[in-house]
């Protein structure tokens, strides 16, 4: 176990900075505390990892955003289809009533 400077058991976090993307480190479990304890958990990444990981994260975030936008559009289209089905059923009922009584 690793303990931070304030005596608490340190937690492992992942850095997503451009200098250390994907690198894991020990940190104080109290966010916002004055304890600035940080110790690297793993070895420094190679330069290729440092170059590639931020681009991969951006691409992943763009894909997630596109997926979310598509889900919203699909939901809107499904709502339109449901509304049109109701209108179609209502129109058929009105037509049948007209045929039967007139």
C-alpha atoms as a PDB file:
ATOM      1  CA  UNK A   1       0.000   0.000   0.000  1.00  0.00           C
ATOM      2  CA  UNK A   2       1.053   3.538  -0.713  1.00  0.00           C
ATOM      3  CA  UNK A   3       0.107   6.377   1.603  1.00  0.00           C
ATOM      4  CA  UNK A   4      -0.005  10.061   0.709  1.00  0.00           C
ATOM      5  CA  UNK A   5       1.540  12.860   2.751  1.00  0.00           C
ATOM      6  CA  UNK A   6      -1.659  13.346   4.796  1.00  0.00           C
ATOM      7  CA  UNK A   7      -1.597   9.685   5.917  1.00  0.00           C
ATOM      8  CA  UNK A   8      -4.448   8.355   3.794  1.00  0.00           C
ATOM      9  CA  UNK A   9      -4.171   5.402   1.433  1.00  0.00           C
ATOM     10  CA  UNK A  10      -3.387   6.783  -2.022  1.00  0.00           C
ATOM     11  CA  UNK A  11      -5.598   5.955  -4.978  1.00  0.00           C
ATOM     12  CA  UNK A  12      -4.522   5.200  -8.536  1.00  0.00           C
ATOM     13  CA  UNK A  13      -5.676   7.665 -11.198  1.00  0.00           C
ATOM     14  CA  UNK A  14      -4.933   8.022 -14.898  1.00  0.00           C
ATOM     15  CA  UNK A  15      -3.369  11.120 -16.394  1.00  0.00           C
ATOM     16  CA  UNK A  16      -4.907  12.458 -19.597  1.00  0.00           C
ATOM     17  CA  UNK A  17      -2.561  15.402 -20.045  1.00  0.00           C
ATOM     18  CA  UNK A  18      -0.724  15.810 -23.342  1.00  0.00           C
ATOM     19  CA  UNK A  19       2.616  15.153 -21.595  1.00  0.00           C
ATOM     20  CA  UNK A  20       1.504  11.930 -19.850  1.00  0.00           C
ATOM     21  CA  UNK A  21      -1.539  10.513 -21.648  1.00  0.00           C
ATOM     22  CA  UNK A  22      -2.754   7.229 -20.205  1.00  0.00           C
ATOM     23  CA  UNK A  23      -0.095   7.160 -17.519  1.00  0.00           C
ATOM     24  CA  UNK A  24      -1.265   5.961 -14.098  1.00  0.00           C
ATOM     25  CA  UNK A  25      -0.223   7.553 -10.828  1.00  0.00           C
ATOM     26  CA  UNK A  26      -0.848   7.487  -7.093  1.00  0.00           C
ATOM     27  CA  UNK A  27      -2.676  10.501  -5.672  1.00  0.00           C
ATOM     28  CA  UNK A  28      -4.363  11.651  -2.471  1.00  0.00           C
ATOM     29  CA  UNK A  29      -7.954  10.329  -2.282  1.00  0.00           C
ATOM     30  CA  UNK A  30      -9.266  13.743  -1.143  1.00  0.00           C
ATOM     31  CA  UNK A  31      -9.837  15.859  -4.224  1.00  0.00           C
ATOM     32  CA  UNK A  32      -9.193  19.519  -3.631  1.00  0.00           C
ATOM     33  CA  UNK A  33      -7.115  18.900  -0.502  1.00  0.00           C
ATOM     34  CA  UNK A  34      -3.842  20.715   0.056  1.00  0.00           C
ATOM     35  CA  UNK A  35      -2.009  17.392  -0.064  1.00  0.00           C
ATOM     36  CA  UNK A  36      -0.218  17.431  -3.425  1.00  0.00           C
ATOM     37  CA  UNK A  37       1.043  13.851  -3.190  1.00  0.00           C
ATOM     38  CA  UNK A  38       1.732  12.316  -6.587  1.00  0.00           C
ATOM     39  CA  UNK A  39       3.918   9.328  -7.404  1.00  0.00           C
ATOM     40  CA  UNK A  40       3.970   7.520 -10.716  1.00  0.00           C
ATOM     41  CA  UNK A  41       2.507   4.003 -10.655  1.00  0.00           C
ATOM     42  CA  UNK A  42       3.869   2.920 -14.019  1.00  0.00           C
ATOM     43  CA  UNK A  43       6.798   3.696 -16.267  1.00  0.00           C
ATOM     44  CA  UNK A  44       6.877   6.634 -18.625  1.00  0.00           C
ATOM     45  CA  UNK A  45       5.190   5.953 -21.973  1.00  0.00           C
ATOM     46  CA  UNK A  46       7.148   5.880 -25.208  1.00  0.00           C
ATOM     47  CA  UNK A  47       7.015   8.946 -27.461  1.00  0.00           C
ATOM     48  CA  UNK A  48       4.767   7.148 -29.958  1.00  0.00           C
ATOM     49  CA  UNK A  49       2.180   6.547 -27.214  1.00  0.00           C
ATOM     50  CA  UNK A  50       2.384  10.179 -26.173  1.00  0.00           C
ATOM     51  CA  UNK A  51       1.729  11.194 -29.789  1.00  0.00           C
ATOM     52  CA  UNK A  52      -1.048   8.700 -30.554  1.00  0.00           C
ATOM     53  CA  UNK A  53      -3.171   8.507 -27.367  1.00  0.00           C
ATOM     54  CA  UNK A  54      -4.537  12.104 -27.486  1.00  0.00           C
ATOM     55  CA  UNK A  55      -5.590  11.624 -31.128  1.00  0.00           C
ATOM     56  CA  UNK A  56      -7.265   8.326 -30.263  1.00  0.00           C
ATOM     57  CA  UNK A  57      -9.125   9.982 -27.388  1.00  0.00           C
ATOM     58  CA  UNK A  58     -10.305  12.800 -29.661  1.00  0.00           C
ATOM     59  CA  UNK A  59     -11.483  10.295 -32.268  1.00  0.00           C
ATOM     60  CA  UNK A  60     -13.305   8.274 -29.589  1.00  0.00           C
ATOM     61  CA  UNK A  61     -14.993  11.403 -28.226  1.00  0.00           C
ATOM     62  CA  UNK A  62     -16.038  12.443 -31.745  1.00  0.00           C
ATOM     63  CA  UNK A  63     -17.525   8.998 -32.379  1.00  0.00           C
ATOM     64  CA  UNK A  64     -19.445   9.117 -29.095  1.00  0.00           C
ATOM     65  CA  UNK A  65     -20.771  12.573 -29.922  1.00  0.00           C
ATOM     66  CA  UNK A  66     -21.835  11.410 -33.392  1.00  0.00           C
ATOM     67  CA  UNK A  67     -23.509   8.345 -31.855  1.00  0.00           C
ATOM     68  CA  UNK A  68     -25.390  10.520 -29.363  1.00  0.00           C
ATOM     69  CA  UNK A  69     -26.532  12.866 -32.145  1.00  0.00           C
ATOM     70  CA  UNK A  70     -27.720   9.924 -34.227  1.00  0.00           C
ATOM     71  CA  UNK A  71     -29.597   8.456 -31.256  1.00  0.00           C
ATOM     72  CA  UNK A  72     -31.427  11.768 -30.811  1.00  0.00           C
ATOM     73  CA  UNK A  73     -32.311  11.854 -34.523  1.00  0.00           C
ATOM     74  CA  UNK A  74     -33.485   8.226 -34.466  1.00  0.00           C
ATOM     75  CA  UNK A  75     -35.681   8.941 -31.429  1.00  0.00           C
ATOM     76  CA  UNK A  76     -37.218  11.949 -33.204  1.00  0.00           C
ATOM     77  CA  UNK A  77     -37.933   9.834 -36.292  1.00  0.00           C
ATOM     78  CA  UNK A  78     -39.442   7.063 -34.164  1.00  0.00           C
ATOM     79  CA  UNK A  79     -41.725   9.639 -32.540  1.00  0.00           C
ATOM     80  CA  UNK A  80     -42.802  10.844 -35.996  1.00  0.00           C
ATOM     81  CA  UNK A  81     -43.543   7.278 -37.105  1.00  0.00           C
ATOM     82  CA  UNK A  82     -45.612   6.635 -33.965  1.00  0.00           C
ATOM     83  CA  UNK A  83     -47.581   9.842 -34.572  1.00  0.00           C
ATOM     84  CA  UNK A  84     -48.205   8.924 -38.216  1.00  0.00           C
ATOM     85  CA  UNK A  85     -49.378   5.447 -37.173  1.00  0.00           C
ATOM     86  CA  UNK A  86     -51.901   7.013 -34.801  1.00  0.00           C
ATOM     87  CA  UNK A  87     -53.120   9.342 -37.540  1.00  0.00           C
ATOM     88  CA  UNK A  88     -53.431   6.416 -39.956  1.00  0.00           C
ATOM     89  CA  UNK A  89     -55.414   4.333 -37.468  1.00  0.00           C
ATOM     90  CA  UNK A  90     -57.665   7.284 -36.646  1.00  0.00           C
ATOM     91  CA  UNK A  91     -58.286   7.956 -40.341  1.00  0.00           C
ATOM     92  CA  UNK A  92     -59.198   4.295 -40.956  1.00  0.00           C
ATOM     93  CA  UNK A  93     -61.603   4.327 -38.030  1.00  0.00           C
ATOM     94  CA  UNK A  94     -63.244   7.494 -39.366  1.00  0.00           C
ATOM     95  CA  UNK A  95     -63.424   5.947 -42.848  1.00  0.00           C
ATOM     96  CA  UNK A  96     -65.071   2.776 -41.499  1.00  0.00           C
ATOM     97  CA  UNK A  97     -67.604   4.839 -39.540  1.00  0.00           C
ATOM     98  CA  UNK A  98     -68.388   6.835 -42.676  1.00  0.00           C
ATOM     99  CA  UNK A  99     -68.823   3.669 -44.781  1.00  0.00           C
ATOM    100  CA  UNK A 100     -71.045   1.987 -42.206  1.00  0.00           C
ATOM    101  CA  UNK A 101     -73.358   4.924 -41.472  1.00  0.00           C
ATOM    102  CA  UNK A 102     -73.532   6.693 -44.807  1.00  0.00           C
END
